[in-house]
């Protein structure tokens, strides 16, 4: 199969499993398939579905990619999240994806509320990274529960959000974090090679419009924008630091990007 044919099949597959803007694997049938296959096949099916999304796996060796995700998220948990936590802490993982980071954090705290917009990805997370003290749920389900947490974090998510959606997420995080709690937000800047949302909106080419509508969005945000958004949402003492030199994760771009820390 030639490259054009492979790209076409990939695009069609993503579209069939799509649940709306940036909601990859969000089609309700994906969740039903993962939940409905025999238990002995669920892990294999979950990995194959995750390979259809542009977020998670980059190589055809799915077992190796799962191990890479597990190891990289263990580093993130130990180096960036766990130092802020006590053993009895309740935590919110926003944009949890297949749950590798949530599972790493769950071993150190009382409970992790792992939230993602994609029901299909949440179904995969329950199979691959289910733990007794992790609750996988959609943002609407989390809001309905009214839970408050000691710390909320989000990695590899902010750069994929349009401005209006980012505002909604900040409101959810502000409502969830108790007074005195902590917020950790990872994001990318222009020096990471990303264009801003305004740059993408100004791109009138067919490829640019298609990428913005159907592809995985990747937007640069400035430190001033992110600290301003945190403060307007009700957080204080927002600080942005480069992750360069602080952590090392082979094959992952997070160590080249930035982390905002703030208090509620």
Protein backbone atom coordinates (compact mmCIF):
# COMPACT_ATOMS: atom_id res chain seq x y z
CA UNK A 1 0.00 0.00 0.00
CA UNK A 2 1.41 3.40 -1.00
CA UNK A 3 1.76 6.39 1.31
CA UNK A 4 -1.30 8.18 -0.12
CA UNK A 5 -3.45 5.07 0.36
CA UNK A 6 -2.16 4.59 3.92
CA UNK A 7 -2.83 8.25 4.77
CA UNK A 8 -6.32 8.00 3.28
CA UNK A 9 -7.15 4.87 5.28
CA UNK A 10 -5.76 6.49 8.43
CA UNK A 11 -7.83 9.64 7.90
CA UNK A 12 -11.02 7.67 7.26
CA UNK A 13 -10.44 5.48 10.32
CA UNK A 14 -9.89 8.52 12.54
CA UNK A 15 -13.05 10.09 11.15
CA UNK A 16 -15.16 6.99 11.84
CA UNK A 17 -13.97 6.84 15.47
CA UNK A 18 -14.20 10.62 15.94
CA UNK A 19 -16.58 12.03 18.54
CA UNK A 20 -16.38 15.70 17.56
CA UNK A 21 -13.77 18.43 17.74
CA UNK A 22 -10.53 16.96 19.16
CA UNK A 23 -12.57 14.08 20.61
CA UNK A 24 -10.59 11.25 19.05
CA UNK A 25 -12.04 7.77 19.73
CA UNK A 26 -15.08 9.57 21.12
CA UNK A 27 -17.64 7.75 18.95
CA UNK A 28 -19.93 5.84 21.30
CA UNK A 29 -19.46 2.57 19.41
CA UNK A 30 -15.76 2.53 20.38
CA UNK A 31 -16.64 2.39 24.07
CA UNK A 32 -19.22 -0.34 23.43
CA UNK A 33 -16.72 -2.47 21.50
CA UNK A 34 -14.01 -2.20 24.18
CA UNK A 35 -16.48 -3.02 26.95
CA UNK A 36 -18.11 -5.80 24.97
CA UNK A 37 -15.21 -7.97 23.80
CA UNK A 38 -14.18 -10.98 25.90
CA UNK A 39 -11.98 -10.03 28.82
CA UNK A 40 -9.06 -12.01 27.39
CA UNK A 41 -9.06 -9.75 24.30
CA UNK A 42 -9.71 -6.36 25.90
CA UNK A 43 -6.11 -5.28 26.37
CA UNK A 44 -5.26 -6.09 22.75
CA UNK A 45 -8.37 -4.30 21.47
CA UNK A 46 -7.71 -1.27 23.67
CA UNK A 47 -4.16 -0.94 22.36
CA UNK A 48 -5.32 -1.22 18.76
CA UNK A 49 -7.90 1.51 19.25
CA UNK A 50 -5.33 3.80 20.90
CA UNK A 51 -3.08 3.31 17.88
CA UNK A 52 -5.82 4.91 15.73
CA UNK A 53 -5.60 8.20 17.65
CA UNK A 54 -2.90 10.77 16.83
CA UNK A 55 -2.18 11.31 20.54
CA UNK A 56 -0.59 8.27 22.05
CA UNK A 57 1.37 5.75 19.98
CA UNK A 58 4.01 6.50 17.35
CA UNK A 59 5.32 3.03 16.49
CA UNK A 60 3.65 -0.12 15.21
CA UNK A 61 4.95 -2.16 18.16
CA UNK A 62 1.99 -1.48 20.44
CA UNK A 63 3.38 -3.34 23.44
CA UNK A 64 6.57 -1.26 23.24
CA UNK A 65 4.54 1.93 22.90
CA UNK A 66 2.48 1.01 25.95
CA UNK A 67 5.70 0.46 27.90
CA UNK A 68 7.07 3.80 26.67
CA UNK A 69 3.94 5.60 27.84
CA UNK A 70 4.03 3.83 31.19
CA UNK A 71 7.69 4.66 31.80
CA UNK A 72 7.44 8.28 30.67
CA UNK A 73 4.39 8.94 32.85
CA UNK A 74 6.13 7.33 35.81
CA UNK A 75 8.89 9.93 35.42
CA UNK A 76 6.33 12.76 35.22
CA UNK A 77 4.56 11.48 38.32
CA UNK A 78 7.67 11.06 40.42
CA UNK A 79 9.43 14.25 39.37
CA UNK A 80 6.61 16.77 38.88
CA UNK A 81 3.40 15.64 40.59
CA UNK A 82 4.13 13.48 43.65
CA UNK A 83 6.37 16.07 45.39
CA UNK A 84 3.25 18.24 45.83
CA UNK A 85 1.18 15.43 47.37
CA UNK A 86 0.44 13.81 50.71
CA UNK A 87 -0.61 10.12 50.92
CA UNK A 88 -4.22 11.11 51.74
CA UNK A 89 -4.51 13.54 48.82
CA UNK A 90 -7.34 13.55 46.30
CA UNK A 91 -6.20 14.42 42.79
CA UNK A 92 -7.73 15.45 39.45
CA UNK A 93 -6.01 14.34 36.24
CA UNK A 94 -7.57 16.43 33.47
CA UNK A 95 -7.14 14.98 29.98
CA UNK A 96 -6.04 11.64 31.39
CA UNK A 97 -6.07 9.81 28.05
CA UNK A 98 -5.39 6.08 28.50
CA UNK A 99 -4.52 6.58 32.16
CA UNK A 100 -0.80 5.90 32.33
CA UNK A 101 -0.10 9.01 34.42
CA UNK A 102 -3.19 8.51 36.57
CA UNK A 103 -2.03 4.97 37.36
CA UNK A 104 1.44 6.22 38.33
CA UNK A 105 0.00 8.86 40.65
CA UNK A 106 -2.64 6.54 42.10
CA UNK A 107 -0.02 4.50 43.94
CA UNK A 108 0.91 7.57 46.00
CA UNK A 109 -2.49 9.10 46.91
CA UNK A 110 -5.95 8.27 48.21
CA UNK A 111 -7.88 8.86 44.99
CA UNK A 112 -7.46 10.07 41.40
CA UNK A 113 -10.37 11.47 39.40
CA UNK A 114 -9.20 10.83 35.84
CA UNK A 115 -11.15 12.94 33.34
CA UNK A 116 -11.21 12.91 29.54
CA UNK A 117 -13.67 14.02 26.87
CA UNK A 118 -13.33 10.74 24.93
CA UNK A 119 -15.49 7.88 26.16
CA UNK A 120 -13.54 5.49 23.95
CA UNK A 121 -10.22 6.48 25.49
CA UNK A 122 -11.72 6.19 28.98
CA UNK A 123 -12.86 2.66 28.15
CA UNK A 124 -9.30 1.83 27.07
CA UNK A 125 -7.94 3.41 30.26
CA UNK A 126 -10.15 1.23 32.45
CA UNK A 127 -8.76 -1.84 30.70
CA UNK A 128 -5.09 -0.84 30.65
CA UNK A 129 -4.77 1.22 33.81
CA UNK A 130 -7.71 0.43 36.03
CA UNK A 131 -7.02 0.83 39.75
CA UNK A 132 -9.41 0.64 42.75
CA UNK A 133 -8.69 4.29 43.61
CA UNK A 134 -9.05 5.74 40.09
CA UNK A 135 -12.41 6.92 38.78
CA UNK A 136 -12.43 7.40 35.00
CA UNK A 137 -15.12 9.83 33.86
CA UNK A 138 -16.07 12.57 31.42
CA UNK A 139 -15.92 16.26 32.42
CA UNK A 140 -19.72 16.32 32.72
CA UNK A 141 -19.67 13.32 35.05
CA UNK A 142 -16.96 14.91 37.17
CA UNK A 143 -18.83 18.23 37.44
CA UNK A 144 -22.02 16.40 38.42
CA UNK A 145 -20.20 14.73 41.29
CA UNK A 146 -19.08 18.06 42.75
CA UNK A 147 -15.81 16.60 44.02
CA UNK A 148 -13.03 18.80 45.33
CA UNK A 149 -9.37 17.86 45.12
CA UNK A 150 -6.09 18.84 46.74
CA UNK A 151 -4.27 19.03 43.42
CA UNK A 152 -5.26 19.18 39.75
CA UNK A 153 -2.81 18.58 36.94
CA UNK A 154 -2.93 18.40 33.16
CA UNK A 155 -0.12 17.25 30.89
CA UNK A 156 -0.05 17.20 27.08
CA UNK A 157 -3.52 18.75 26.92
CA UNK A 158 -3.45 22.57 26.96
CA UNK A 159 -1.67 22.83 23.60
CA UNK A 160 -4.55 20.94 21.97
CA UNK A 161 -7.31 23.26 23.25
CA UNK A 162 -8.97 26.13 21.40
CA UNK A 163 -9.17 29.35 23.43
CA UNK A 164 -12.86 29.01 24.31
CA UNK A 165 -12.37 25.42 25.46
CA UNK A 166 -9.32 26.36 27.53
CA UNK A 167 -11.47 28.91 29.37
CA UNK A 168 -14.05 26.22 30.18
CA UNK A 169 -11.33 23.89 31.43
CA UNK A 170 -9.85 26.59 33.67
CA UNK A 171 -13.30 27.17 35.19
CA UNK A 172 -13.68 23.43 35.87
CA UNK A 173 -10.24 23.26 37.49
CA UNK A 174 -10.91 26.33 39.63
CA UNK A 175 -14.17 24.83 40.87
CA UNK A 176 -12.50 21.50 41.61
CA UNK A 177 -9.39 22.59 43.52
CA UNK A 178 -10.06 23.31 47.17
CA UNK A 179 -8.75 26.54 48.78
CA UNK A 180 -5.03 26.08 49.40
CA UNK A 181 -4.79 23.39 46.74
CA UNK A 182 -2.36 23.26 43.82
CA UNK A 183 -2.65 23.51 40.04
CA UNK A 184 -0.07 22.09 37.61
CA UNK A 185 -0.51 22.88 33.90
CA UNK A 186 1.91 21.78 31.22
CA UNK A 187 1.91 23.81 27.98
CA UNK A 188 4.02 24.67 24.93
CA UNK A 189 5.33 28.00 23.68
CA UNK A 190 6.27 29.24 20.23
CA UNK A 191 9.90 28.34 20.86
CA UNK A 192 8.77 24.70 20.90
CA UNK A 193 7.95 25.03 17.21
CA UNK A 194 4.18 25.46 17.61
CA UNK A 195 2.10 28.16 15.96
CA UNK A 196 -0.47 30.16 17.89
CA UNK A 197 -4.18 29.67 17.40
CA UNK A 198 -4.30 33.07 15.66
CA UNK A 199 -1.66 31.84 13.21
CA UNK A 200 -3.73 28.77 12.40
CA UNK A 201 -6.91 30.81 11.98
CA UNK A 202 -5.10 33.10 9.57
CA UNK A 203 -3.99 30.15 7.44
CA UNK A 204 -6.41 30.13 4.54
CA UNK A 205 -4.91 27.14 2.75
CA UNK A 206 -7.00 24.02 2.27
CA UNK A 207 -4.46 21.96 4.22
CA UNK A 208 -4.42 24.50 7.05
CA UNK A 209 -8.21 24.63 7.33
CA UNK A 210 -8.46 20.82 7.26
CA UNK A 211 -5.77 20.47 9.93
CA UNK A 212 -7.53 22.97 12.19
CA UNK A 213 -10.91 21.28 11.79
CA UNK A 214 -10.03 17.60 11.71
CA UNK A 215 -6.41 17.20 12.83
CA UNK A 216 -4.77 17.22 16.23
CA UNK A 217 -4.55 20.90 17.15
CA UNK A 218 -1.24 22.09 18.60
CA UNK A 219 -1.20 25.72 19.75
CA UNK A 220 1.57 27.78 21.32
CA UNK A 221 0.66 29.79 24.45
CA UNK A 222 2.77 32.45 26.15
CA UNK A 223 3.73 32.51 29.81
CA UNK A 224 1.85 35.80 30.22
CA UNK A 225 -1.31 34.32 28.73
CA UNK A 226 -1.21 31.26 30.95
CA UNK A 227 -0.49 33.11 34.18
CA UNK A 228 -3.23 35.61 33.31
CA UNK A 229 -5.73 32.83 32.72
CA UNK A 230 -4.82 31.16 36.00
CA UNK A 231 -5.23 34.39 37.93
CA UNK A 232 -8.57 35.23 36.29
CA UNK A 233 -9.82 31.76 37.20
CA UNK A 234 -9.03 32.44 40.87
CA UNK A 235 -5.56 30.95 41.28
CA UNK A 236 -2.71 32.90 42.86
CA UNK A 237 1.08 32.95 42.77
CA UNK A 238 1.24 31.51 39.26
CA UNK A 239 4.80 30.68 38.20
CA UNK A 240 5.97 29.35 34.83
CA UNK A 241 9.20 27.37 34.56
CA UNK A 242 10.94 25.61 31.72
CA UNK A 243 11.14 21.86 32.04
CA UNK A 244 14.37 21.86 30.06
CA UNK A 245 17.05 20.12 32.09
CA UNK A 246 14.63 19.25 34.89
CA UNK A 247 13.40 15.92 33.55
CA UNK A 248 14.60 13.53 30.89
CA UNK A 249 12.16 11.37 28.93
CA UNK A 250 13.61 9.87 25.73
CA UNK A 251 11.27 10.21 22.76
CA UNK A 252 8.93 12.67 24.51
CA UNK A 253 8.72 16.44 23.91
CA UNK A 254 7.35 17.39 27.35
CA UNK A 255 10.86 17.98 28.80
CA UNK A 256 11.35 20.72 26.19
CA UNK A 257 8.21 22.59 27.23
CA UNK A 258 6.82 24.51 30.24
CA UNK A 259 4.97 24.02 33.51
CA UNK A 260 2.71 26.47 35.33
CA UNK A 261 2.29 26.06 39.09
CA UNK A 262 -0.33 28.01 41.05
CA UNK A 263 -2.35 27.91 44.26
CA UNK A 264 -6.08 28.15 44.77
